[in-house]
PDB file of N, CA and C in Angstrom:
ATOM      1  N   MET A   1      -9.680 -21.387   8.046  1.00  0.00           N
ATOM      2  CA  MET A   1     -10.581 -21.225   6.943  1.00  0.00           C
ATOM      3  C   MET A   1     -10.882 -22.587   6.341  1.00  0.00           C
ATOM      4  N   LYS A   2     -12.161 -22.905   6.208  1.00  0.00           N
ATOM      5  CA  LYS A   2     -12.573 -24.155   5.569  1.00  0.00           C
ATOM      6  C   LYS A   2     -12.497 -23.969   4.055  1.00  0.00           C
ATOM      7  N   LEU A   3     -11.876 -24.916   3.390  1.00  0.00           N
ATOM      8  CA  LEU A   3     -11.701 -24.853   1.938  1.00  0.00           C
ATOM      9  C   LEU A   3     -12.585 -25.868   1.243  1.00  0.00           C
ATOM     10  N   LYS A   4     -12.893 -25.581  -0.008  1.00  0.00           N
ATOM     11  CA  LYS A   4     -13.562 -26.527  -0.893  1.00  0.00           C
ATOM     12  C   LYS A   4     -12.584 -26.860  -2.007  1.00  0.00           C
ATOM     13  N   ASN A   5     -12.784 -27.975  -2.674  1.00  0.00           N
ATOM     14  CA  ASN A   5     -11.889 -28.360  -3.761  1.00  0.00           C
ATOM     15  C   ASN A   5     -11.784 -27.285  -4.832  1.00  0.00           C
ATOM     16  N   GLU A   6     -12.890 -26.616  -5.148  1.00  0.00           N
ATOM     17  CA  GLU A   6     -12.848 -25.575  -6.182  1.00  0.00           C
ATOM     18  C   GLU A   6     -12.018 -24.365  -5.739  1.00  0.00           C
ATOM     19  N   ASP A   7     -11.963 -24.095  -4.417  1.00  0.00           N
ATOM     20  CA  ASP A   7     -11.106 -23.013  -3.909  1.00  0.00           C
ATOM     21  C   ASP A   7      -9.645 -23.335  -4.195  1.00  0.00           C
ATOM     22  N   ILE A   8      -9.276 -24.571  -3.970  1.00  0.00           N
ATOM     23  CA  ILE A   8      -7.886 -24.994  -4.127  1.00  0.00           C
ATOM     24  C   ILE A   8      -7.462 -24.913  -5.590  1.00  0.00           C
ATOM     25  N   LYS A   9      -8.345 -25.256  -6.507  1.00  0.00           N
ATOM     26  CA  LYS A   9      -8.013 -25.223  -7.934  1.00  0.00           C
ATOM     27  C   LYS A   9      -7.594 -23.835  -8.386  1.00  0.00           C
ATOM     28  N   SER A  10      -8.227 -22.809  -7.864  1.00  0.00           N
ATOM     29  CA  SER A  10      -7.898 -21.448  -8.293  1.00  0.00           C
ATOM     30  C   SER A  10      -6.591 -20.943  -7.686  1.00  0.00           C
ATOM     31  N   LEU A  11      -6.122 -21.560  -6.609  1.00  0.00           N
ATOM     32  CA  LEU A  11      -4.923 -21.075  -5.926  1.00  0.00           C
ATOM     33  C   LEU A  11      -3.649 -21.241  -6.741  1.00  0.00           C
ATOM     34  N   THR A  12      -3.525 -22.309  -7.493  1.00  0.00           N
ATOM     35  CA  THR A  12      -2.288 -22.529  -8.235  1.00  0.00           C
ATOM     36  C   THR A  12      -2.100 -21.470  -9.315  1.00  0.00           C
ATOM     37  N   ALA A  13      -3.167 -20.837  -9.746  1.00  0.00           N
ATOM     38  CA  ALA A  13      -3.053 -19.768 -10.735  1.00  0.00           C
ATOM     39  C   ALA A  13      -2.558 -18.468 -10.103  1.00  0.00           C
ATOM     40  N   ILE A  14      -2.761 -18.300  -8.811  1.00  0.00           N
ATOM     41  CA  ILE A  14      -2.371 -17.073  -8.116  1.00  0.00           C
ATOM     42  C   ILE A  14      -0.867 -17.022  -7.878  1.00  0.00           C
ATOM     43  N   PHE A  15      -0.271 -18.167  -7.524  1.00  0.00           N
ATOM     44  CA  PHE A  15       1.139 -18.204  -7.186  1.00  0.00           C
ATOM     45  C   PHE A  15       1.977 -18.334  -8.454  1.00  0.00           C
ATOM     46  N   PRO A  16       2.972 -17.467  -8.636  1.00  0.00           N
ATOM     47  CA  PRO A  16       3.808 -17.553  -9.833  1.00  0.00           C
ATOM     48  C   PRO A  16       4.782 -18.724  -9.746  1.00  0.00           C
ATOM     49  N   GLY A  17       5.307 -19.118 -10.875  1.00  0.00           N
ATOM     50  CA  GLY A  17       6.336 -20.163 -10.887  1.00  0.00           C
ATOM     51  C   GLY A  17       5.782 -21.543 -10.635  1.00  0.00           C
ATOM     52  N   ASN A  18       6.516 -22.314  -9.855  1.00  0.00           N
ATOM     53  CA  ASN A  18       6.185 -23.709  -9.592  1.00  0.00           C
ATOM     54  C   ASN A  18       5.604 -23.834  -8.191  1.00  0.00           C
ATOM     55  N   CYS A  19       4.409 -24.390  -8.093  1.00  0.00           N
ATOM     56  CA  CYS A  19       3.827 -24.607  -6.772  1.00  0.00           C
ATOM     57  C   CYS A  19       2.973 -25.861  -6.788  1.00  0.00           C
ATOM     58  N   ALA A  20       2.778 -26.403  -5.593  1.00  0.00           N
ATOM     59  CA  ALA A  20       1.928 -27.579  -5.430  1.00  0.00           C
ATOM     60  C   ALA A  20       1.154 -27.427  -4.128  1.00  0.00           C
ATOM     61  N   VAL A  21      -0.034 -28.000  -4.109  1.00  0.00           N
ATOM     62  CA  VAL A  21      -0.900 -27.943  -2.942  1.00  0.00           C
ATOM     63  C   VAL A  21      -0.976 -29.345  -2.345  1.00  0.00           C
ATOM     64  N   TYR A  22      -0.826 -29.409  -1.019  1.00  0.00           N
ATOM     65  CA  TYR A  22      -0.836 -30.674  -0.303  1.00  0.00           C
ATOM     66  C   TYR A  22      -1.789 -30.605   0.877  1.00  0.00           C
ATOM     67  N   LYS A  23      -2.338 -31.753   1.219  1.00  0.00           N
ATOM     68  CA  LYS A  23      -3.106 -31.907   2.451  1.00  0.00           C
ATOM     69  C   LYS A  23      -2.206 -32.696   3.401  1.00  0.00           C
ATOM     70  N   LYS A  24      -2.071 -32.211   4.628  1.00  0.00           N
ATOM     71  CA  LYS A  24      -1.213 -32.895   5.607  1.00  0.00           C
ATOM     72  C   LYS A  24      -2.019 -33.999   6.281  1.00  0.00           C
ATOM     73  N   GLN A  25      -1.567 -35.217   6.122  1.00  0.00           N
ATOM     74  CA  GLN A  25      -2.186 -36.397   6.701  1.00  0.00           C
ATOM     75  C   GLN A  25      -1.174 -37.011   7.665  1.00  0.00           C
ATOM     76  N   GLY A  26      -1.287 -36.706   8.947  1.00  0.00           N
ATOM     77  CA  GLY A  26      -0.285 -37.157   9.909  1.00  0.00           C
ATOM     78  C   GLY A  26       1.035 -36.499   9.583  1.00  0.00           C
ATOM     79  N   LYS A  27       2.075 -37.290   9.331  1.00  0.00           N
ATOM     80  CA  LYS A  27       3.383 -36.728   8.949  1.00  0.00           C
ATOM     81  C   LYS A  27       3.533 -36.653   7.437  1.00  0.00           C
ATOM     82  N   ARG A  28       2.589 -37.209   6.706  1.00  0.00           N
ATOM     83  CA  ARG A  28       2.664 -37.316   5.251  1.00  0.00           C
ATOM     84  C   ARG A  28       1.993 -36.129   4.571  1.00  0.00           C
ATOM     85  N   LEU A  29       2.565 -35.690   3.437  1.00  0.00           N
ATOM     86  CA  LEU A  29       1.944 -34.671   2.603  1.00  0.00           C
ATOM     87  C   LEU A  29       1.278 -35.359   1.424  1.00  0.00           C
ATOM     88  N   GLU A  30      -0.038 -35.244   1.329  1.00  0.00           N
ATOM     89  CA  GLU A  30      -0.800 -35.865   0.243  1.00  0.00           C
ATOM     90  C   GLU A  30      -1.001 -34.825  -0.861  1.00  0.00           C
ATOM     91  N   PHE A  31      -0.479 -35.114  -2.047  1.00  0.00           N
ATOM     92  CA  PHE A  31      -0.562 -34.199  -3.183  1.00  0.00           C
ATOM     93  C   PHE A  31      -2.012 -33.996  -3.612  1.00  0.00           C
ATOM     94  N   LEU A  32      -2.399 -32.737  -3.838  1.00  0.00           N
ATOM     95  CA  LEU A  32      -3.735 -32.418  -4.345  1.00  0.00           C
ATOM     96  C   LEU A  32      -3.678 -31.901  -5.773  1.00  0.00           C
ATOM     97  N   MET A  33      -2.822 -30.899  -6.040  1.00  0.00           N
ATOM     98  CA  MET A  33      -2.696 -30.356  -7.390  1.00  0.00           C
ATOM     99  C   MET A  33      -1.470 -29.464  -7.479  1.00  0.00           C
ATOM    100  N   SER A  34      -1.112 -29.076  -8.717  1.00  0.00           N
ATOM    101  CA  SER A  34       0.061 -28.218  -8.897  1.00  0.00           C
ATOM    102  C   SER A  34      -0.184 -27.210 -10.013  1.00  0.00           C
ATOM    103  N   SER A  35       0.724 -26.248 -10.077  1.00  0.00           N
ATOM    104  CA  SER A  35       0.714 -25.308 -11.194  1.00  0.00           C
ATOM    105  C   SER A  35       1.259 -26.045 -12.419  1.00  0.00           C
ATOM    106  N   GLU A  36       1.418 -25.320 -13.504  1.00  0.00           N
ATOM    107  CA  GLU A  36       1.909 -25.956 -14.732  1.00  0.00           C
ATOM    108  C   GLU A  36       3.422 -26.055 -14.781  1.00  0.00           C
ATOM    109  N   GLY A  37       4.123 -25.413 -13.886  1.00  0.00           N
ATOM    110  CA  GLY A  37       5.584 -25.527 -13.854  1.00  0.00           C
ATOM    111  C   GLY A  37       6.260 -24.700 -14.920  1.00  0.00           C
ATOM    112  N   MET A  38       6.405 -23.427 -14.651  1.00  0.00           N
ATOM    113  CA  MET A  38       6.948 -22.518 -15.650  1.00  0.00           C
ATOM    114  C   MET A  38       8.434 -22.205 -15.447  1.00  0.00           C
ATOM    115  N   GLU A  39       8.948 -22.424 -14.263  1.00  0.00           N
ATOM    116  CA  GLU A  39      10.295 -21.985 -13.924  1.00  0.00           C
ATOM    117  C   GLU A  39      11.254 -23.155 -13.813  1.00  0.00           C
ATOM    118  N   LYS A  40      12.405 -23.061 -14.452  1.00  0.00           N
ATOM    119  CA  LYS A  40      13.419 -24.105 -14.392  1.00  0.00           C
ATOM    120  C   LYS A  40      14.011 -24.167 -12.980  1.00  0.00           C
ATOM    121  N   ILE A  41      14.262 -25.379 -12.488  1.00  0.00           N
ATOM    122  CA  ILE A  41      14.902 -25.576 -11.189  1.00  0.00           C
ATOM    123  C   ILE A  41      16.096 -26.498 -11.418  1.00  0.00           C
ATOM    124  N   GLY A  42      17.282 -25.963 -11.172  1.00  0.00           N
ATOM    125  CA  GLY A  42      18.487 -26.739 -11.461  1.00  0.00           C
ATOM    126  C   GLY A  42      18.504 -27.103 -12.929  1.00  0.00           C
ATOM    127  N   ASN A  43      18.701 -28.375 -13.214  1.00  0.00           N
ATOM    128  CA  ASN A  43      18.727 -28.837 -14.598  1.00  0.00           C
ATOM    129  C   ASN A  43      17.363 -29.354 -15.069  1.00  0.00           C
ATOM    130  N   LEU A  44      16.321 -29.162 -14.260  1.00  0.00           N
ATOM    131  CA  LEU A  44      14.986 -29.654 -14.603  1.00  0.00           C
ATOM    132  C   LEU A  44      14.067 -28.515 -15.034  1.00  0.00           C
ATOM    133  N   SER A  45      13.256 -28.775 -16.020  1.00  0.00           N
ATOM    134  CA  SER A  45      12.212 -27.806 -16.352  1.00  0.00           C
ATOM    135  C   SER A  45      11.199 -27.827 -15.217  1.00  0.00           C
ATOM    136  N   GLY A  46      10.393 -26.792 -15.119  1.00  0.00           N
ATOM    137  CA  GLY A  46       9.367 -26.753 -14.084  1.00  0.00           C
ATOM    138  C   GLY A  46       8.435 -27.947 -14.169  1.00  0.00           C
ATOM    139  N   LYS A  47       8.073 -28.340 -15.394  1.00  0.00           N
ATOM    140  CA  LYS A  47       7.166 -29.485 -15.570  1.00  0.00           C
ATOM    141  C   LYS A  47       7.801 -30.776 -15.077  1.00  0.00           C
ATOM    142  N   GLU A  48       9.084 -30.970 -15.388  1.00  0.00           N
ATOM    143  CA  GLU A  48       9.779 -32.180 -14.913  1.00  0.00           C
ATOM    144  C   GLU A  48       9.850 -32.199 -13.390  1.00  0.00           C
ATOM    145  N   PHE A  49      10.201 -31.066 -12.804  1.00  0.00           N
ATOM    146  CA  PHE A  49      10.295 -30.988 -11.357  1.00  0.00           C
ATOM    147  C   PHE A  49       8.950 -31.304 -10.713  1.00  0.00           C
ATOM    148  N   LEU A  50       7.887 -30.717 -11.231  1.00  0.00           N
ATOM    149  CA  LEU A  50       6.566 -30.938 -10.642  1.00  0.00           C
ATOM    150  C   LEU A  50       6.072 -32.362 -10.820  1.00  0.00           C
ATOM    151  N   GLN A  51       6.553 -33.076 -11.838  1.00  0.00           N
ATOM    152  CA  GLN A  51       6.207 -34.498 -11.959  1.00  0.00           C
ATOM    153  C   GLN A  51       6.762 -35.261 -10.754  1.00  0.00           C
ATOM    154  N   ASP A  52       7.962 -34.880 -10.305  1.00  0.00           N
ATOM    155  CA  ASP A  52       8.560 -35.539  -9.137  1.00  0.00           C
ATOM    156  C   ASP A  52       7.827 -35.189  -7.852  1.00  0.00           C
ATOM    157  N   VAL A  53       7.300 -33.966  -7.737  1.00  0.00           N
ATOM    158  CA  VAL A  53       6.602 -33.617  -6.499  1.00  0.00           C
ATOM    159  C   VAL A  53       5.176 -34.144  -6.473  1.00  0.00           C
ATOM    160  N   ARG A  54       4.660 -34.564  -7.622  1.00  0.00           N
ATOM    161  CA  ARG A  54       3.329 -35.188  -7.655  1.00  0.00           C
ATOM    162  C   ARG A  54       3.388 -36.585  -7.063  1.00  0.00           C
ATOM    163  N   SER A  55       4.480 -37.289  -7.330  1.00  0.00           N
ATOM    164  CA  SER A  55       4.653 -38.598  -6.701  1.00  0.00           C
ATOM    165  C   SER A  55       5.059 -38.332  -5.252  1.00  0.00           C
ATOM    166  N   ASP A  56       5.543 -39.282  -4.555  1.00  0.00           N
ATOM    167  CA  ASP A  56       5.866 -39.081  -3.146  1.00  0.00           C
ATOM    168  C   ASP A  56       7.016 -38.089  -3.018  1.00  0.00           C
ATOM    169  N   PHE A  57       6.651 -36.846  -2.862  1.00  0.00           N
ATOM    170  CA  PHE A  57       7.570 -35.706  -2.828  1.00  0.00           C
ATOM    171  C   PHE A  57       8.741 -35.921  -1.874  1.00  0.00           C
ATOM    172  N   CYS A  58       8.462 -36.357  -0.673  1.00  0.00           N
ATOM    173  CA  CYS A  58       9.505 -36.450   0.358  1.00  0.00           C
ATOM    174  C   CYS A  58      10.560 -37.505   0.048  1.00  0.00           C
ATOM    175  N   THR A  59      10.280 -38.460  -0.836  1.00  0.00           N
ATOM    176  CA  THR A  59      11.304 -39.457  -1.172  1.00  0.00           C
ATOM    177  C   THR A  59      12.444 -38.824  -1.962  1.00  0.00           C
ATOM    178  N   HIS A  60      12.220 -37.666  -2.572  1.00  0.00           N
ATOM    179  CA  HIS A  60      13.254 -36.984  -3.347  1.00  0.00           C
ATOM    180  C   HIS A  60      14.065 -35.986  -2.519  1.00  0.00           C
ATOM    181  N   VAL A  61      13.625 -35.737  -1.287  1.00  0.00           N
ATOM    182  CA  VAL A  61      14.356 -34.837  -0.393  1.00  0.00           C
ATOM    183  C   VAL A  61      15.416 -35.659   0.338  1.00  0.00           C
ATOM    184  N   PHE A  62      16.653 -35.182   0.332  1.00  0.00           N
ATOM    185  CA  PHE A  62      17.742 -35.926   0.973  1.00  0.00           C
ATOM    186  C   PHE A  62      17.437 -36.166   2.448  1.00  0.00           C
ATOM    187  N   LYS A  63      17.797 -37.358   2.920  1.00  0.00           N
ATOM    188  CA  LYS A  63      17.469 -37.793   4.284  1.00  0.00           C
ATOM    189  C   LYS A  63      17.878 -36.762   5.343  1.00  0.00           C
ATOM    190  N   ASN A  64      19.098 -36.240   5.259  1.00  0.00           N
ATOM    191  CA  ASN A  64      19.566 -35.281   6.259  1.00  0.00           C
ATOM    192  C   ASN A  64      18.893 -33.915   6.137  1.00  0.00           C
ATOM    193  N   ASP A  65      18.203 -33.660   5.035  1.00  0.00           N
ATOM    194  CA  ASP A  65      17.549 -32.370   4.812  1.00  0.00           C
ATOM    195  C   ASP A  65      16.045 -32.403   5.077  1.00  0.00           C
ATOM    196  N   LYS A  66      15.482 -33.592   5.263  1.00  0.00           N
ATOM    197  CA  LYS A  66      14.030 -33.704   5.483  1.00  0.00           C
ATOM    198  C   LYS A  66      13.572 -32.893   6.686  1.00  0.00           C
ATOM    199  N   ARG A  67      14.417 -32.817   7.699  1.00  0.00           N
ATOM    200  CA  ARG A  67      14.025 -32.077   8.903  1.00  0.00           C
ATOM    201  C   ARG A  67      13.794 -30.603   8.592  1.00  0.00           C
ATOM    202  N   PHE A  68      14.537 -30.035   7.634  1.00  0.00           N
ATOM    203  CA  PHE A  68      14.337 -28.630   7.280  1.00  0.00           C
ATOM    204  C   PHE A  68      12.930 -28.416   6.714  1.00  0.00           C
ATOM    205  N   LEU A  69      12.511 -29.337   5.862  1.00  0.00           N
ATOM    206  CA  LEU A  69      11.176 -29.252   5.276  1.00  0.00           C
ATOM    207  C   LEU A  69      10.109 -29.517   6.333  1.00  0.00           C
ATOM    208  N   GLU A  70      10.315 -30.529   7.156  1.00  0.00           N
ATOM    209  CA  GLU A  70       9.347 -30.841   8.221  1.00  0.00           C
ATOM    210  C   GLU A  70       9.194 -29.675   9.197  1.00  0.00           C
ATOM    211  N   GLU A  71      10.314 -29.050   9.566  1.00  0.00           N
ATOM    212  CA  GLU A  71      10.261 -27.897  10.469  1.00  0.00           C
ATOM    213  C   GLU A  71       9.536 -26.720   9.819  1.00  0.00           C
ATOM    214  N   ALA A  72       9.760 -26.513   8.514  1.00  0.00           N
ATOM    215  CA  ALA A  72       9.074 -25.423   7.805  1.00  0.00           C
ATOM    216  C   ALA A  72       7.567 -25.667   7.764  1.00  0.00           C
ATOM    217  N   VAL A  73       7.162 -26.913   7.558  1.00  0.00           N
ATOM    218  CA  VAL A  73       5.734 -27.243   7.554  1.00  0.00           C
ATOM    219  C   VAL A  73       5.133 -26.946   8.928  1.00  0.00           C
ATOM    220  N   GLU A  74       5.807 -27.371   9.984  1.00  0.00           N
ATOM    221  CA  GLU A  74       5.285 -27.123  11.334  1.00  0.00           C
ATOM    222  C   GLU A  74       5.226 -25.627  11.657  1.00  0.00           C
ATOM    223  N   ARG A  75       6.251 -24.876  11.254  1.00  0.00           N
ATOM    224  CA  ARG A  75       6.222 -23.421  11.469  1.00  0.00           C
ATOM    225  C   ARG A  75       5.083 -22.772  10.694  1.00  0.00           C
ATOM    226  N   ALA A  76       4.860 -23.228   9.473  1.00  0.00           N
ATOM    227  CA  ALA A  76       3.768 -22.673   8.662  1.00  0.00           C
ATOM    228  C   ALA A  76       2.416 -22.949   9.308  1.00  0.00           C
ATOM    229  N   LEU A  77       2.263 -24.120   9.892  1.00  0.00           N
ATOM    230  CA  LEU A  77       0.999 -24.443  10.555  1.00  0.00           C
ATOM    231  C   LEU A  77       0.766 -23.543  11.768  1.00  0.00           C
ATOM    232  N   LYS A  78       1.843 -23.141  12.441  1.00  0.00           N
ATOM    233  CA  LYS A  78       1.718 -22.291  13.624  1.00  0.00           C
ATOM    234  C   LYS A  78       1.708 -20.804  13.278  1.00  0.00           C
ATOM    235  N   GLN A  79       2.535 -20.391  12.305  1.00  0.00           N
ATOM    236  CA  GLN A  79       2.737 -18.971  12.031  1.00  0.00           C
ATOM    237  C   GLN A  79       2.150 -18.505  10.705  1.00  0.00           C
ATOM    238  N   GLY A  80       1.642 -19.409   9.898  1.00  0.00           N
ATOM    239  CA  GLY A  80       1.068 -19.035   8.607  1.00  0.00           C
ATOM    240  C   GLY A  80       1.962 -19.321   7.426  1.00  0.00           C
ATOM    241  N   SER A  81       3.279 -19.097   7.585  1.00  0.00           N
ATOM    242  CA  SER A  81       4.202 -19.403   6.490  1.00  0.00           C
ATOM    243  C   SER A  81       5.606 -19.603   7.029  1.00  0.00           C
ATOM    244  N   ALA A  82       6.436 -20.245   6.230  1.00  0.00           N
ATOM    245  CA  ALA A  82       7.839 -20.500   6.577  1.00  0.00           C
ATOM    246  C   ALA A  82       8.565 -20.848   5.287  1.00  0.00           C
ATOM    247  N   GLU A  83       9.888 -20.846   5.357  1.00  0.00           N
ATOM    248  CA  GLU A  83      10.657 -21.225   4.174  1.00  0.00           C
ATOM    249  C   GLU A  83      11.860 -22.056   4.569  1.00  0.00           C
ATOM    250  N   CYS A  84      12.407 -22.775   3.581  1.00  0.00           N
ATOM    251  CA  CYS A  84      13.580 -23.608   3.829  1.00  0.00           C
ATOM    252  C   CYS A  84      14.302 -23.894   2.523  1.00  0.00           C
ATOM    253  N   VAL A  85      15.512 -24.405   2.644  1.00  0.00           N
ATOM    254  CA  VAL A  85      16.331 -24.813   1.502  1.00  0.00           C
ATOM    255  C   VAL A  85      16.799 -26.235   1.774  1.00  0.00           C
ATOM    256  N   TYR A  86      16.789 -27.081   0.740  1.00  0.00           N
ATOM    257  CA  TYR A  86      17.171 -28.482   0.911  1.00  0.00           C
ATOM    258  C   TYR A  86      17.638 -29.057  -0.423  1.00  0.00           C
ATOM    259  N   ARG A  87      18.248 -30.250  -0.336  1.00  0.00           N
ATOM    260  CA  ARG A  87      18.680 -30.972  -1.537  1.00  0.00           C
ATOM    261  C   ARG A  87      17.549 -31.887  -2.000  1.00  0.00           C
ATOM    262  N   PHE A  88      17.315 -31.898  -3.309  1.00  0.00           N
ATOM    263  CA  PHE A  88      16.234 -32.660  -3.915  1.00  0.00           C
ATOM    264  C   PHE A  88      16.824 -33.455  -5.071  1.00  0.00           C
ATOM    265  N   GLY A  89      16.615 -34.755  -5.089  1.00  0.00           N
ATOM    266  CA  GLY A  89      17.142 -35.557  -6.187  1.00  0.00           C
ATOM    267  C   GLY A  89      17.240 -37.016  -5.821  1.00  0.00           C
ATOM    268  N   GLN A  90      18.340 -37.642  -6.282  1.00  0.00           N
ATOM    269  CA  GLN A  90      18.575 -39.060  -6.035  1.00  0.00           C
ATOM    270  C   GLN A  90      19.783 -39.193  -5.110  1.00  0.00           C
ATOM    271  N   GLU A  91      19.494 -39.398  -3.843  1.00  0.00           N
ATOM    272  CA  GLU A  91      20.563 -39.426  -2.836  1.00  0.00           C
ATOM    273  C   GLU A  91      21.551 -40.556  -3.085  1.00  0.00           C
ATOM    274  N   GLU A  92      21.050 -41.728  -3.497  1.00  0.00           N
ATOM    275  CA  GLU A  92      21.946 -42.873  -3.702  1.00  0.00           C
ATOM    276  C   GLU A  92      22.970 -42.608  -4.813  1.00  0.00           C
ATOM    277  N   LYS A  93      22.665 -41.718  -5.742  1.00  0.00           N
ATOM    278  CA  LYS A  93      23.600 -41.354  -6.809  1.00  0.00           C
ATOM    279  C   LYS A  93      24.308 -40.034  -6.522  1.00  0.00           C
ATOM    280  N   ASP A  94      23.981 -39.408  -5.397  1.00  0.00           N
ATOM    281  CA  ASP A  94      24.496 -38.091  -5.027  1.00  0.00           C
ATOM    282  C   ASP A  94      24.243 -37.067  -6.138  1.00  0.00           C
ATOM    283  N   GLU A  95      23.051 -37.163  -6.740  1.00  0.00           N
ATOM    284  CA  GLU A  95      22.614 -36.210  -7.767  1.00  0.00           C
ATOM    285  C   GLU A  95      21.503 -35.373  -7.165  1.00  0.00           C
ATOM    286  N   PHE A  96      21.705 -34.073  -7.129  1.00  0.00           N
ATOM    287  CA  PHE A  96      20.697 -33.229  -6.491  1.00  0.00           C
ATOM    288  C   PHE A  96      20.726 -31.814  -7.038  1.00  0.00           C
ATOM    289  N   ILE A  97      19.667 -31.099  -6.724  1.00  0.00           N
ATOM    290  CA  ILE A  97      19.583 -29.673  -6.955  1.00  0.00           C
ATOM    291  C   ILE A  97      19.180 -29.036  -5.628  1.00  0.00           C
ATOM    292  N   TRP A  98      19.600 -27.809  -5.412  1.00  0.00           N
ATOM    293  CA  TRP A  98      19.201 -27.082  -4.216  1.00  0.00           C
ATOM    294  C   TRP A  98      17.881 -26.397  -4.512  1.00  0.00           C
ATOM    295  N   VAL A  99      16.913 -26.590  -3.627  1.00  0.00           N
ATOM    296  CA  VAL A  99      15.563 -26.036  -3.823  1.00  0.00           C
ATOM    297  C   VAL A  99      15.221 -25.130  -2.644  1.00  0.00           C
ATOM    298  N   HIS A 100      14.679 -23.974  -2.980  1.00  0.00           N
ATOM    299  CA  HIS A 100      14.145 -23.052  -1.967  1.00  0.00           C
ATOM    300  C   HIS A 100      12.626 -23.208  -1.996  1.00  0.00           C
ATOM    301  N   THR A 101      12.020 -23.453  -0.838  1.00  0.00           N
ATOM    302  CA  THR A 101      10.577 -23.668  -0.758  1.00  0.00           C
ATOM    303  C   THR A 101       9.956 -22.716   0.258  1.00  0.00           C
ATOM    304  N   LEU A 102       8.888 -22.086  -0.161  1.00  0.00           N
ATOM    305  CA  LEU A 102       8.038 -21.306   0.737  1.00  0.00           C
ATOM    306  C   LEU A 102       6.820 -22.171   1.020  1.00  0.00           C
ATOM    307  N   VAL A 103       6.503 -22.350   2.304  1.00  0.00           N
ATOM    308  CA  VAL A 103       5.354 -23.159   2.730  1.00  0.00           C
ATOM    309  C   VAL A 103       4.324 -22.206   3.329  1.00  0.00           C
ATOM    310  N   LYS A 104       3.093 -22.266   2.842  1.00  0.00           N
ATOM    311  CA  LYS A 104       2.037 -21.398   3.357  1.00  0.00           C
ATOM    312  C   LYS A 104       0.820 -22.246   3.722  1.00  0.00           C
ATOM    313  N   HIS A 105       0.351 -22.084   4.953  1.00  0.00           N
ATOM    314  CA  HIS A 105      -0.866 -22.777   5.402  1.00  0.00           C
ATOM    315  C   HIS A 105      -2.045 -21.964   4.897  1.00  0.00           C
ATOM    316  N   ILE A 106      -2.919 -22.579   4.098  1.00  0.00           N
ATOM    317  CA  ILE A 106      -4.000 -21.818   3.466  1.00  0.00           C
ATOM    318  C   ILE A 106      -5.392 -22.171   3.984  1.00  0.00           C
ATOM    319  N   GLY A 107      -5.502 -23.153   4.854  1.00  0.00           N
ATOM    320  CA  GLY A 107      -6.806 -23.497   5.405  1.00  0.00           C
ATOM    321  C   GLY A 107      -6.937 -24.978   5.682  1.00  0.00           C
ATOM    322  N   GLU A 108      -8.186 -25.422   5.786  1.00  0.00           N
ATOM    323  CA  GLU A 108      -8.483 -26.816   6.120  1.00  0.00           C
ATOM    324  C   GLU A 108      -9.389 -27.418   5.048  1.00  0.00           C
ATOM    325  N   LEU A 109      -9.162 -28.680   4.751  1.00  0.00           N
ATOM    326  CA  LEU A 109     -10.008 -29.447   3.849  1.00  0.00           C
ATOM    327  C   LEU A 109     -10.266 -30.776   4.523  1.00  0.00           C
ATOM    328  N   GLU A 110     -11.546 -31.093   4.742  1.00  0.00           N
ATOM    329  CA  GLU A 110     -11.901 -32.348   5.407  1.00  0.00           C
ATOM    330  C   GLU A 110     -11.142 -32.494   6.729  1.00  0.00           C
ATOM    331  N   ASP A 111     -11.082 -31.418   7.496  1.00  0.00           N
ATOM    332  CA  ASP A 111     -10.428 -31.371   8.806  1.00  0.00           C
ATOM    333  C   ASP A 111      -8.927 -31.654   8.788  1.00  0.00           C
ATOM    334  N   SER A 112      -8.288 -31.487   7.637  1.00  0.00           N
ATOM    335  CA  SER A 112      -6.836 -31.624   7.534  1.00  0.00           C
ATOM    336  C   SER A 112      -6.252 -30.311   7.031  1.00  0.00           C
ATOM    337  N   PRO A 113      -5.073 -29.918   7.530  1.00  0.00           N
ATOM    338  CA  PRO A 113      -4.443 -28.684   7.061  1.00  0.00           C
ATOM    339  C   PRO A 113      -4.053 -28.791   5.591  1.00  0.00           C
ATOM    340  N   VAL A 114      -4.232 -27.695   4.866  1.00  0.00           N
ATOM    341  CA  VAL A 114      -3.840 -27.621   3.460  1.00  0.00           C
ATOM    342  C   VAL A 114      -2.710 -26.607   3.344  1.00  0.00           C
ATOM    343  N   LEU A 115      -1.660 -26.998   2.631  1.00  0.00           N
ATOM    344  CA  LEU A 115      -0.471 -26.173   2.474  1.00  0.00           C
ATOM    345  C   LEU A 115      -0.169 -25.993   0.996  1.00  0.00           C
ATOM    346  N   ILE A 116       0.268 -24.793   0.641  1.00  0.00           N
ATOM    347  CA  ILE A 116       0.773 -24.580  -0.705  1.00  0.00           C
ATOM    348  C   ILE A 116       2.280 -24.391  -0.579  1.00  0.00           C
ATOM    349  N   LEU A 117       3.036 -25.099  -1.409  1.00  0.00           N
ATOM    350  CA  LEU A 117       4.488 -25.010  -1.415  1.00  0.00           C
ATOM    351  C   LEU A 117       4.931 -24.446  -2.744  1.00  0.00           C
ATOM    352  N   THR A 118       5.781 -23.428  -2.705  1.00  0.00           N
ATOM    353  CA  THR A 118       6.370 -22.911  -3.946  1.00  0.00           C
ATOM    354  C   THR A 118       7.801 -23.402  -4.016  1.00  0.00           C
ATOM    355  N   PHE A 119       8.270 -23.646  -5.222  1.00  0.00           N
ATOM    356  CA  PHE A 119       9.601 -24.215  -5.440  1.00  0.00           C
ATOM    357  C   PHE A 119      10.396 -23.321  -6.376  1.00  0.00           C
ATOM    358  N   ARG A 120      11.608 -22.971  -5.940  1.00  0.00           N
ATOM    359  CA  ARG A 120      12.514 -22.149  -6.761  1.00  0.00           C
ATOM    360  C   ARG A 120      13.917 -22.723  -6.682  1.00  0.00           C
ATOM    361  N   ASP A 121      14.680 -22.439  -7.696  1.00  0.00           N
ATOM    362  CA  ASP A 121      16.086 -22.817  -7.705  1.00  0.00           C
ATOM    363  C   ASP A 121      16.800 -22.023  -6.613  1.00  0.00           C
ATOM    364  N   ALA A 122      17.494 -22.703  -5.725  1.00  0.00           N
ATOM    365  CA  ALA A 122      18.204 -21.999  -4.657  1.00  0.00           C
ATOM    366  C   ALA A 122      19.600 -21.651  -5.123  1.00  0.00           C
TER     367      ALA A 122
END
């Protein structure tokens, strides 16, 4: 399904809780937009958590757990959706929260796959 920017804007209102929309550029996830962040995750409010996923999201995923997220993205691209659990935080300080993420492939924008990720406290 070909998407327009206005289509994507309405999607964050449909998904409850904390979600963000990304365009997949090679191996990188490029942030497009997010919900307002209503649900607490670990010790972070939804808004605080979503501020971290607006910046380079994958830098907050622990190195040994990145493969879980990468595999979920690839499964979602092939099967429509996938889910995973991983550590999110500051690896060098061993400070993290466990996050459960549902990844859903929702279409294409400018010939790149668009994914919506929901985030919940695991």
